[in-house]
Structures are given as structure tokens and as C-alpha cells.
Amino acid sequence: MKFRNYVPHDKQLQEGKVAPPVLPKFEDPVAAEPPASEEKEDPFVNIAPKKPNWDLRRDVQKKLDKLERRTQKAIFKLMEQQEQEKQLDEGGNAIEE
């Protein structure tokens, strides 16, 4: 019988006890190298308060988005009108010649 984890009380059985295995020493190559120099981040940046108007922006953002869509539509409409006027002017000049 071989005993690896059990220590028998009988002296005859203690002779069958197996010596614990000898493990080779492991050297971690990552731990042996010095740590790479990292830029240290300022710890106070993360705890800085938000801008004082962040809640106002959040409340007004929906209205601003709606206004932006209307503005883009109005700009597009004005561009179409100018293009039509330009075409009418060019068409009127062609008739006079």
C-alpha cells in the first residue's frame, strides 16, 4: 500500500508512506520583467463633478432635436425655392433671345 495523503498510525504501515513530490520552481517571465511605464491618470479626473448645466441639456435635448429637424427641412425648402427661381430666370432669358 502507498499512502500519499494519509499518515498511518501503525509503524509498519508508515514505511509504505510515499514522500511528497518535489515540484520544480516556476519562474514567471511576466513577473520578472519590470512593469511597462504607463502614463498615470489623474485620480481627480474621475471624481470631478459634472458640468453645472448637464441636467438642463438633458431636459432640453428632445426639443433641440425637434428644432434641428425643422431647421434642416426649412433650409432644404429655401434651397429648392432658390433653385426654382434660378431656373425661371434662365428660362425667361432664353425666351427673350
PDB file of N, CA and C in Angstrom:
ATOM      1  N   MET A   1       0.839  -1.184   0.000  1.00  0.00           N
ATOM      2  CA  MET A   1       0.000   0.000   0.000  1.00  0.00           C
ATOM      3  C   MET A   1       0.878   1.239   0.000  1.00  0.00           C
ATOM      4  N   LYS A   2       0.390   2.255  -0.705  1.00  0.00           N
ATOM      5  CA  LYS A   2       1.100   3.527  -0.739  1.00  0.00           C
ATOM      6  C   LYS A   2       0.183   4.590  -0.147  1.00  0.00           C
ATOM      7  N   PHE A   3       0.730   5.360   0.745  1.00  0.00           N
ATOM      8  CA  PHE A   3      -0.044   6.426   1.367  1.00  0.00           C
ATOM      9  C   PHE A   3       0.543   7.766   0.924  1.00  0.00           C
ATOM     10  N   ARG A   4      -0.262   8.524   0.241  1.00  0.00           N
ATOM     11  CA  ARG A   4       0.193   9.851  -0.191  1.00  0.00           C
ATOM     12  C   ARG A   4      -0.318  10.939   0.748  1.00  0.00           C
ATOM     13  N   ASN A   5      -1.604  10.893   1.068  1.00  0.00           N
ATOM     14  CA  ASN A   5      -2.204  11.952   1.864  1.00  0.00           C
ATOM     15  C   ASN A   5      -2.543  11.514   3.286  1.00  0.00           C
ATOM     16  N   TYR A   6      -2.442  10.233   3.547  1.00  0.00           N
ATOM     17  CA  TYR A   6      -2.837   9.711   4.851  1.00  0.00           C
ATOM     18  C   TYR A   6      -1.591   9.306   5.623  1.00  0.00           C
ATOM     19  N   VAL A   7      -1.537   9.700   6.878  1.00  0.00           N
ATOM     20  CA  VAL A   7      -0.423   9.309   7.741  1.00  0.00           C
ATOM     21  C   VAL A   7      -0.932   8.188   8.649  1.00  0.00           C
ATOM     22  N   PRO A   8      -0.505   6.963   8.402  1.00  0.00           N
ATOM     23  CA  PRO A   8      -0.991   5.849   9.229  1.00  0.00           C
ATOM     24  C   PRO A   8      -0.346   5.863  10.627  1.00  0.00           C
ATOM     25  N   HIS A   9      -1.076   5.321  11.618  1.00  0.00           N
ATOM     26  CA  HIS A   9      -0.586   5.281  12.990  1.00  0.00           C
ATOM     27  C   HIS A   9       0.304   4.057  13.227  1.00  0.00           C
ATOM     28  N   ASP A  10       0.104   3.036  12.466  1.00  0.00           N
ATOM     29  CA  ASP A  10       0.893   1.807  12.620  1.00  0.00           C
ATOM     30  C   ASP A  10       2.281   2.017  12.016  1.00  0.00           C
ATOM     31  N   LYS A  11       3.317   1.601  12.746  1.00  0.00           N
ATOM     32  CA  LYS A  11       4.689   1.823  12.287  1.00  0.00           C
ATOM     33  C   LYS A  11       5.013   1.003  11.039  1.00  0.00           C
ATOM     34  N   GLN A  12       4.413  -0.138  10.908  1.00  0.00           N
ATOM     35  CA  GLN A  12       4.667  -0.957   9.713  1.00  0.00           C
ATOM     36  C   GLN A  12       4.067  -0.293   8.473  1.00  0.00           C
ATOM     37  N   LEU A  13       2.916   0.315   8.656  1.00  0.00           N
ATOM     38  CA  LEU A  13       2.279   0.989   7.519  1.00  0.00           C
ATOM     39  C   LEU A  13       2.965   2.313   7.189  1.00  0.00           C
ATOM     40  N   GLN A  14       3.607   2.933   8.185  1.00  0.00           N
ATOM     41  CA  GLN A  14       4.290   4.208   7.925  1.00  0.00           C
ATOM     42  C   GLN A  14       5.466   4.023   6.962  1.00  0.00           C
ATOM     43  N   GLU A  15       5.985   2.828   6.900  1.00  0.00           N
ATOM     44  CA  GLU A  15       7.082   2.561   5.968  1.00  0.00           C
ATOM     45  C   GLU A  15       6.611   2.643   4.516  1.00  0.00           C
ATOM     46  N   GLY A  16       5.314   2.391   4.285  1.00  0.00           N
ATOM     47  CA  GLY A  16       4.771   2.447   2.931  1.00  0.00           C
ATOM     48  C   GLY A  16       4.383   3.856   2.502  1.00  0.00           C
ATOM     49  N   LYS A  17       4.628   4.810   3.372  1.00  0.00           N
ATOM     50  CA  LYS A  17       4.278   6.199   3.052  1.00  0.00           C
ATOM     51  C   LYS A  17       5.180   6.726   1.930  1.00  0.00           C
ATOM     52  N   VAL A  18       4.579   7.413   0.973  1.00  0.00           N
ATOM     53  CA  VAL A  18       5.308   7.952  -0.175  1.00  0.00           C
ATOM     54  C   VAL A  18       5.706   9.396   0.133  1.00  0.00           C
ATOM     55  N   ALA A  19       6.922   9.737  -0.189  1.00  0.00           N
ATOM     56  CA  ALA A  19       7.396  11.110   0.026  1.00  0.00           C
ATOM     57  C   ALA A  19       6.652  12.047  -0.920  1.00  0.00           C
ATOM     58  N   PRO A  20       6.362  13.261  -0.470  1.00  0.00           N
ATOM     59  CA  PRO A  20       5.658  14.198  -1.357  1.00  0.00           C
ATOM     60  C   PRO A  20       6.522  14.534  -2.568  1.00  0.00           C
ATOM     61  N   PRO A  21       5.892  14.736  -3.694  1.00  0.00           N
ATOM     62  CA  PRO A  21       6.678  15.027  -4.905  1.00  0.00           C
ATOM     63  C   PRO A  21       7.347  16.394  -4.808  1.00  0.00           C
ATOM     64  N   VAL A  22       8.506  16.499  -5.404  1.00  0.00           N
ATOM     65  CA  VAL A  22       9.241  17.758  -5.428  1.00  0.00           C
ATOM     66  C   VAL A  22       8.888  18.465  -6.730  1.00  0.00           C
ATOM     67  N   LEU A  23       8.298  19.616  -6.590  1.00  0.00           N
ATOM     68  CA  LEU A  23       7.892  20.377  -7.772  1.00  0.00           C
ATOM     69  C   LEU A  23       9.013  21.304  -8.201  1.00  0.00           C
ATOM     70  N   PRO A  24       9.236  21.424  -9.490  1.00  0.00           N
ATOM     71  CA  PRO A  24      10.269  22.360  -9.945  1.00  0.00           C
ATOM     72  C   PRO A  24       9.818  23.795  -9.685  1.00  0.00           C
ATOM     73  N   LYS A  25      10.780  24.652  -9.451  1.00  0.00           N
ATOM     74  CA  LYS A  25      10.464  26.052  -9.179  1.00  0.00           C
ATOM     75  C   LYS A  25      10.030  26.718 -10.485  1.00  0.00           C
ATOM     76  N   PHE A  26       8.901  27.374 -10.410  1.00  0.00           N
ATOM     77  CA  PHE A  26       8.353  28.044 -11.589  1.00  0.00           C
ATOM     78  C   PHE A  26       8.707  29.517 -11.526  1.00  0.00           C
ATOM     79  N   GLU A  27       9.322  30.002 -12.582  1.00  0.00           N
ATOM     80  CA  GLU A  27       9.650  31.419 -12.666  1.00  0.00           C
ATOM     81  C   GLU A  27       8.726  32.060 -13.684  1.00  0.00           C
ATOM     82  N   ASP A  28       7.970  33.015 -13.232  1.00  0.00           N
ATOM     83  CA  ASP A  28       7.012  33.701 -14.095  1.00  0.00           C
ATOM     84  C   ASP A  28       7.759  34.735 -14.933  1.00  0.00           C
ATOM     85  N   PRO A  29       7.781  34.577 -16.263  1.00  0.00           N
ATOM     86  CA  PRO A  29       8.521  35.540 -17.088  1.00  0.00           C
ATOM     87  C   PRO A  29       7.897  36.934 -17.057  1.00  0.00           C
ATOM     88  N   VAL A  30       6.602  37.012 -16.834  1.00  0.00           N
ATOM     89  CA  VAL A  30       5.945  38.320 -16.804  1.00  0.00           C
ATOM     90  C   VAL A  30       6.310  39.062 -15.530  1.00  0.00           C
ATOM     91  N   ALA A  31       6.383  38.343 -14.416  1.00  0.00           N
ATOM     92  CA  ALA A  31       6.711  38.979 -13.146  1.00  0.00           C
ATOM     93  C   ALA A  31       8.175  39.393 -13.099  1.00  0.00           C
ATOM     94  N   ALA A  32       9.037  38.695 -13.830  1.00  0.00           N
ATOM     95  CA  ALA A  32      10.462  39.004 -13.820  1.00  0.00           C
ATOM     96  C   ALA A  32      10.754  40.321 -14.525  1.00  0.00           C
ATOM     97  N   GLU A  33       9.970  40.650 -15.549  1.00  0.00           N
ATOM     98  CA  GLU A  33      10.186  41.890 -16.287  1.00  0.00           C
ATOM     99  C   GLU A  33       9.658  43.067 -15.482  1.00  0.00           C
ATOM    100  N   PRO A  34      10.326  44.203 -15.575  1.00  0.00           N
ATOM    101  CA  PRO A  34       9.792  45.375 -14.877  1.00  0.00           C
ATOM    102  C   PRO A  34       8.496  45.822 -15.558  1.00  0.00           C
ATOM    103  N   PRO A  35       7.575  46.356 -14.808  1.00  0.00           N
ATOM    104  CA  PRO A  35       6.312  46.782 -15.419  1.00  0.00           C
ATOM    105  C   PRO A  35       6.539  47.907 -16.425  1.00  0.00           C
ATOM    106  N   ALA A  36       5.764  47.864 -17.479  1.00  0.00           N
ATOM    107  CA  ALA A  36       5.880  48.891 -18.513  1.00  0.00           C
ATOM    108  C   ALA A  36       5.464  50.229 -17.929  1.00  0.00           C
ATOM    109  N   SER A  37       6.168  51.266 -18.328  1.00  0.00           N
ATOM    110  CA  SER A  37       5.836  52.585 -17.796  1.00  0.00           C
ATOM    111  C   SER A  37       4.529  53.053 -18.417  1.00  0.00           C
ATOM    112  N   GLU A  38       3.543  53.175 -17.579  1.00  0.00           N
ATOM    113  CA  GLU A  38       2.228  53.619 -18.026  1.00  0.00           C
ATOM    114  C   GLU A  38       2.028  55.060 -17.581  1.00  0.00           C
ATOM    115  N   GLU A  39       1.330  55.781 -18.406  1.00  0.00           N
ATOM    116  CA  GLU A  39       1.020  57.149 -18.022  1.00  0.00           C
ATOM    117  C   GLU A  39      -0.002  57.100 -16.902  1.00  0.00           C
ATOM    118  N   LYS A  40       0.329  57.739 -15.820  1.00  0.00           N
ATOM    119  CA  LYS A  40      -0.578  57.701 -14.680  1.00  0.00           C
ATOM    120  C   LYS A  40      -1.689  58.718 -14.897  1.00  0.00           C
ATOM    121  N   GLU A  41      -2.893  58.229 -14.727  1.00  0.00           N
ATOM    122  CA  GLU A  41      -4.058  59.086 -14.908  1.00  0.00           C
ATOM    123  C   GLU A  41      -4.322  59.832 -13.610  1.00  0.00           C
ATOM    124  N   ASP A  42      -4.715  61.061 -13.740  1.00  0.00           N
ATOM    125  CA  ASP A  42      -5.023  61.864 -12.571  1.00  0.00           C
ATOM    126  C   ASP A  42      -6.267  61.293 -11.894  1.00  0.00           C
ATOM    127  N   PRO A  43      -6.187  60.898 -10.627  1.00  0.00           N
ATOM    128  CA  PRO A  43      -7.352  60.279  -9.980  1.00  0.00           C
ATOM    129  C   PRO A  43      -8.500  61.259  -9.766  1.00  0.00           C
ATOM    130  N   PHE A  44      -8.211  62.542  -9.779  1.00  0.00           N
ATOM    131  CA  PHE A  44      -9.260  63.521  -9.530  1.00  0.00           C
ATOM    132  C   PHE A  44     -10.129  63.775 -10.751  1.00  0.00           C
ATOM    133  N   VAL A  45      -9.697  63.290 -11.908  1.00  0.00           N
ATOM    134  CA  VAL A  45     -10.498  63.456 -13.120  1.00  0.00           C
ATOM    135  C   VAL A  45     -11.787  62.654 -13.005  1.00  0.00           C
ATOM    136  N   ASN A  46     -11.697  61.469 -12.418  1.00  0.00           N
ATOM    137  CA  ASN A  46     -12.860  60.597 -12.326  1.00  0.00           C
ATOM    138  C   ASN A  46     -13.878  61.068 -11.301  1.00  0.00           C
ATOM    139  N   ILE A  47     -13.451  61.835 -10.323  1.00  0.00           N
ATOM    140  CA  ILE A  47     -14.392  62.261  -9.294  1.00  0.00           C
ATOM    141  C   ILE A  47     -14.821  63.715  -9.468  1.00  0.00           C
ATOM    142  N   ALA A  48     -14.414  64.320 -10.575  1.00  0.00           N
ATOM    143  CA  ALA A  48     -14.793  65.707 -10.823  1.00  0.00           C
ATOM    144  C   ALA A  48     -16.297  65.793 -11.042  1.00  0.00           C
ATOM    145  N   PRO A  49     -16.921  66.840 -10.548  1.00  0.00           N
ATOM    146  CA  PRO A  49     -18.370  66.967 -10.733  1.00  0.00           C
ATOM    147  C   PRO A  49     -18.716  67.228 -12.191  1.00  0.00           C
ATOM    148  N   LYS A  50     -19.940  66.909 -12.540  1.00  0.00           N
ATOM    149  CA  LYS A  50     -20.399  67.156 -13.903  1.00  0.00           C
ATOM    150  C   LYS A  50     -20.544  68.655 -14.112  1.00  0.00           C
ATOM    151  N   LYS A  51     -20.659  69.026 -15.360  1.00  0.00           N
ATOM    152  CA  LYS A  51     -20.856  70.439 -15.640  1.00  0.00           C
ATOM    153  C   LYS A  51     -22.168  70.883 -15.008  1.00  0.00           C
ATOM    154  N   PRO A  52     -22.248  72.126 -14.585  1.00  0.00           N
ATOM    155  CA  PRO A  52     -23.449  72.563 -13.857  1.00  0.00           C
ATOM    156  C   PRO A  52     -24.722  72.546 -14.688  1.00  0.00           C
ATOM    157  N   ASN A  53     -24.608  72.548 -16.001  1.00  0.00           N
ATOM    158  CA  ASN A  53     -25.824  72.611 -16.817  1.00  0.00           C
ATOM    159  C   ASN A  53     -26.174  71.276 -17.454  1.00  0.00           C
ATOM    160  N   TRP A  54     -25.634  70.166 -16.973  1.00  0.00           N
ATOM    161  CA  TRP A  54     -25.897  68.868 -17.603  1.00  0.00           C
ATOM    162  C   TRP A  54     -27.360  68.483 -17.519  1.00  0.00           C
ATOM    163  N   ASP A  55     -28.033  68.822 -16.422  1.00  0.00           N
ATOM    164  CA  ASP A  55     -29.443  68.459 -16.295  1.00  0.00           C
ATOM    165  C   ASP A  55     -30.310  69.306 -17.216  1.00  0.00           C
ATOM    166  N   LEU A  56     -29.910  70.557 -17.430  1.00  0.00           N
ATOM    167  CA  LEU A  56     -30.668  71.407 -18.350  1.00  0.00           C
ATOM    168  C   LEU A  56     -30.547  70.882 -19.779  1.00  0.00           C
ATOM    169  N   ARG A  57     -29.350  70.482 -20.160  1.00  0.00           N
ATOM    170  CA  ARG A  57     -29.162  69.923 -21.506  1.00  0.00           C
ATOM    171  C   ARG A  57     -29.994  68.667 -21.694  1.00  0.00           C
ATOM    172  N   ARG A  58     -30.034  67.819 -20.671  1.00  0.00           N
ATOM    173  CA  ARG A  58     -30.810  66.586 -20.763  1.00  0.00           C
ATOM    174  C   ARG A  58     -32.287  66.902 -20.958  1.00  0.00           C
ATOM    175  N   ASP A  59     -32.799  67.890 -20.228  1.00  0.00           N
ATOM    176  CA  ASP A  59     -34.214  68.229 -20.316  1.00  0.00           C
ATOM    177  C   ASP A  59     -34.570  68.875 -21.650  1.00  0.00           C
ATOM    178  N   VAL A  60     -33.655  69.628 -22.224  1.00  0.00           N
ATOM    179  CA  VAL A  60     -33.941  70.396 -23.432  1.00  0.00           C
ATOM    180  C   VAL A  60     -33.545  69.639 -24.698  1.00  0.00           C
ATOM    181  N   GLN A  61     -32.822  68.540 -24.581  1.00  0.00           N
ATOM    182  CA  GLN A  61     -32.290  67.835 -25.749  1.00  0.00           C
ATOM    183  C   GLN A  61     -33.387  67.393 -26.710  1.00  0.00           C
ATOM    184  N   LYS A  62     -34.516  66.929 -26.203  1.00  0.00           N
ATOM    185  CA  LYS A  62     -35.611  66.474 -27.062  1.00  0.00           C
ATOM    186  C   LYS A  62     -36.141  67.635 -27.911  1.00  0.00           C
ATOM    187  N   LYS A  63     -36.289  68.787 -27.284  1.00  0.00           N
ATOM    188  CA  LYS A  63     -36.771  69.963 -28.019  1.00  0.00           C
ATOM    189  C   LYS A  63     -35.739  70.428 -29.045  1.00  0.00           C
ATOM    190  N   LEU A  64     -34.461  70.352 -28.668  1.00  0.00           N
ATOM    191  CA  LEU A  64     -33.414  70.764 -29.603  1.00  0.00           C
ATOM    192  C   LEU A  64     -33.365  69.844 -30.823  1.00  0.00           C
ATOM    193  N   ASP A  65     -33.567  68.550 -30.606  1.00  0.00           N
ATOM    194  CA  ASP A  65     -33.579  67.612 -31.732  1.00  0.00           C
ATOM    195  C   ASP A  65     -34.729  67.929 -32.685  1.00  0.00           C
ATOM    196  N   LYS A  66     -35.889  68.226 -32.124  1.00  0.00           N
ATOM    197  CA  LYS A  66     -37.058  68.563 -32.943  1.00  0.00           C
ATOM    198  C   LYS A  66     -36.793  69.853 -33.725  1.00  0.00           C
ATOM    199  N   LEU A  67     -36.210  70.837 -33.055  1.00  0.00           N
ATOM    200  CA  LEU A  67     -35.902  72.106 -33.704  1.00  0.00           C
ATOM    201  C   LEU A  67     -34.870  71.910 -34.814  1.00  0.00           C
ATOM    202  N   GLU A  68     -33.896  71.043 -34.598  1.00  0.00           N
ATOM    203  CA  GLU A  68     -32.875  70.778 -35.615  1.00  0.00           C
ATOM    204  C   GLU A  68     -33.500  70.167 -36.862  1.00  0.00           C
ATOM    205  N   ARG A  69     -34.436  69.238 -36.687  1.00  0.00           N
ATOM    206  CA  ARG A  69     -35.114  68.639 -37.848  1.00  0.00           C
ATOM    207  C   ARG A  69     -35.892  69.706 -38.618  1.00  0.00           C
ATOM    208  N   ARG A  70     -36.593  70.561 -37.901  1.00  0.00           N
ATOM    209  CA  ARG A  70     -37.357  71.625 -38.571  1.00  0.00           C
ATOM    210  C   ARG A  70     -36.426  72.575 -39.312  1.00  0.00           C
ATOM    211  N   THR A  71     -35.290  72.897 -38.705  1.00  0.00           N
ATOM    212  CA  THR A  71     -34.329  73.796 -39.340  1.00  0.00           C
ATOM    213  C   THR A  71     -33.809  73.187 -40.637  1.00  0.00           C
ATOM    214  N   GLN A  72     -33.468  71.909 -40.615  1.00  0.00           N
ATOM    215  CA  GLN A  72     -32.966  71.249 -41.815  1.00  0.00           C
ATOM    216  C   GLN A  72     -34.018  71.226 -42.924  1.00  0.00           C
ATOM    217  N   LYS A  73     -35.278  70.982 -42.548  1.00  0.00           N
ATOM    218  CA  LYS A  73     -36.353  70.991 -43.547  1.00  0.00           C
ATOM    219  C   LYS A  73     -36.520  72.382 -44.147  1.00  0.00           C
ATOM    220  N   ALA A  74     -36.451  73.426 -43.304  1.00  0.00           N
ATOM    221  CA  ALA A  74     -36.611  74.791 -43.791  1.00  0.00           C
ATOM    222  C   ALA A  74     -35.462  75.172 -44.728  1.00  0.00           C
ATOM    223  N   ILE A  75     -34.249  74.793 -44.393  1.00  0.00           N
ATOM    224  CA  ILE A  75     -33.098  75.089 -45.253  1.00  0.00           C
ATOM    225  C   ILE A  75     -33.260  74.395 -46.595  1.00  0.00           C
ATOM    226  N   PHE A  76     -33.698  73.143 -46.583  1.00  0.00           N
ATOM    227  CA  PHE A  76     -33.908  72.397 -47.819  1.00  0.00           C
ATOM    228  C   PHE A  76     -34.986  73.062 -48.673  1.00  0.00           C
ATOM    229  N   LYS A  77     -36.055  73.523 -48.024  1.00  0.00           N
ATOM    230  CA  LYS A  77     -37.150  74.175 -48.748  1.00  0.00           C
ATOM    231  C   LYS A  77     -36.676  75.484 -49.390  1.00  0.00           C
ATOM    232  N   LEU A  78     -35.880  76.268 -48.652  1.00  0.00           N
ATOM    233  CA  LEU A  78     -35.342  77.511 -49.204  1.00  0.00           C
ATOM    234  C   LEU A  78     -34.414  77.234 -50.387  1.00  0.00           C
ATOM    235  N   MET A  79     -33.623  76.196 -50.300  1.00  0.00           N
ATOM    236  CA  MET A  79     -32.735  75.856 -51.410  1.00  0.00           C
ATOM    237  C   MET A  79     -33.543  75.473 -52.647  1.00  0.00           C
ATOM    238  N   GLU A  80     -34.624  74.725 -52.456  1.00  0.00           N
ATOM    239  CA  GLU A  80     -35.472  74.351 -53.592  1.00  0.00           C
ATOM    240  C   GLU A  80     -36.095  75.589 -54.232  1.00  0.00           C
ATOM    241  N   GLN A  81     -36.560  76.528 -53.404  1.00  0.00           N
ATOM    242  CA  GLN A  81     -37.167  77.750 -53.937  1.00  0.00           C
ATOM    243  C   GLN A  81     -36.146  78.555 -54.734  1.00  0.00           C
ATOM    244  N   GLN A  82     -34.929  78.683 -54.215  1.00  0.00           N
ATOM    245  CA  GLN A  82     -33.898  79.422 -54.938  1.00  0.00           C
ATOM    246  C   GLN A  82     -33.572  78.737 -56.263  1.00  0.00           C
ATOM    247  N   GLU A  83     -33.530  77.419 -56.263  1.00  0.00           N
ATOM    248  CA  GLU A  83     -33.248  76.681 -57.492  1.00  0.00           C
ATOM    249  C   GLU A  83     -34.358  76.894 -58.520  1.00  0.00           C
ATOM    250  N   GLN A  84     -35.602  76.898 -58.061  1.00  0.00           N
ATOM    251  CA  GLN A  84     -36.726  77.129 -58.975  1.00  0.00           C
ATOM    252  C   GLN A  84     -36.677  78.542 -59.547  1.00  0.00           C
ATOM    253  N   GLU A  85     -36.368  79.531 -58.694  1.00  0.00           N
ATOM    254  CA  GLU A  85     -36.265  80.912 -59.182  1.00  0.00           C
ATOM    255  C   GLU A  85     -35.138  81.037 -60.202  1.00  0.00           C
ATOM    256  N   LYS A  86     -34.031  80.366 -59.957  1.00  0.00           N
ATOM    257  CA  LYS A  86     -32.902  80.410 -60.878  1.00  0.00           C
ATOM    258  C   LYS A  86     -33.289  79.799 -62.224  1.00  0.00           C
ATOM    259  N   GLN A  87     -34.024  78.689 -62.189  1.00  0.00           N
ATOM    260  CA  GLN A  87     -34.450  78.047 -63.427  1.00  0.00           C
ATOM    261  C   GLN A  87     -35.442  78.927 -64.177  1.00  0.00           C
ATOM    262  N   LEU A  88     -36.335  79.611 -63.460  1.00  0.00           N
ATOM    263  CA  LEU A  88     -37.284  80.511 -64.116  1.00  0.00           C
ATOM    264  C   LEU A  88     -36.558  81.677 -64.772  1.00  0.00           C
ATOM    265  N   ASP A  89     -35.552  82.238 -64.074  1.00  0.00           N
ATOM    266  CA  ASP A  89     -34.782  83.343 -64.644  1.00  0.00           C
ATOM    267  C   ASP A  89     -34.026  82.889 -65.890  1.00  0.00           C
ATOM    268  N   GLU A  90     -33.431  81.721 -65.851  1.00  0.00           N
ATOM    269  CA  GLU A  90     -32.713  81.207 -67.014  1.00  0.00           C
ATOM    270  C   GLU A  90     -33.677  80.902 -68.148  1.00  0.00           C
ATOM    271  N   GLY A  91     -34.853  80.399 -67.822  1.00  0.00           N
ATOM    272  CA  GLY A  91     -35.858  80.098 -68.842  1.00  0.00           C
ATOM    273  C   GLY A  91     -36.409  81.379 -69.456  1.00  0.00           C
ATOM    274  N   GLY A  92     -36.578  82.429 -68.659  1.00  0.00           N
ATOM    275  CA  GLY A  92     -37.074  83.706 -69.167  1.00  0.00           C
ATOM    276  C   GLY A  92     -36.064  84.367 -70.081  1.00  0.00           C
ATOM    277  N   ASN A  93     -34.784  84.259 -69.800  1.00  0.00           N
ATOM    278  CA  ASN A  93     -33.738  84.823 -70.643  1.00  0.00           C
ATOM    279  C   ASN A  93     -33.675  84.093 -71.979  1.00  0.00           C
ATOM    280  N   ALA A  94     -33.922  82.810 -71.989  1.00  0.00           N
ATOM    281  CA  ALA A  94     -33.869  82.032 -73.224  1.00  0.00           C
ATOM    282  C   ALA A  94     -35.015  82.432 -74.146  1.00  0.00           C
ATOM    283  N   ILE A  95     -36.167  82.785 -73.607  1.00  0.00           N
ATOM    284  CA  ILE A  95     -37.316  83.164 -74.422  1.00  0.00           C
ATOM    285  C   ILE A  95     -37.083  84.534 -75.055  1.00  0.00           C
ATOM    286  N   GLU A  96     -36.456  85.474 -74.359  1.00  0.00           N
ATOM    287  CA  GLU A  96     -36.224  86.820 -74.875  1.00  0.00           C
ATOM    288  C   GLU A  96     -35.242  86.814 -76.029  1.00  0.00           C
ATOM    289  N   GLU A  97     -34.355  85.860 -76.113  1.00  0.00           N
ATOM    290  CA  GLU A  97     -33.362  85.844 -77.186  1.00  0.00           C
ATOM    291  C   GLU A  97     -33.994  85.421 -78.419  1.00  0.00           C
TER     292      GLU A  97
END
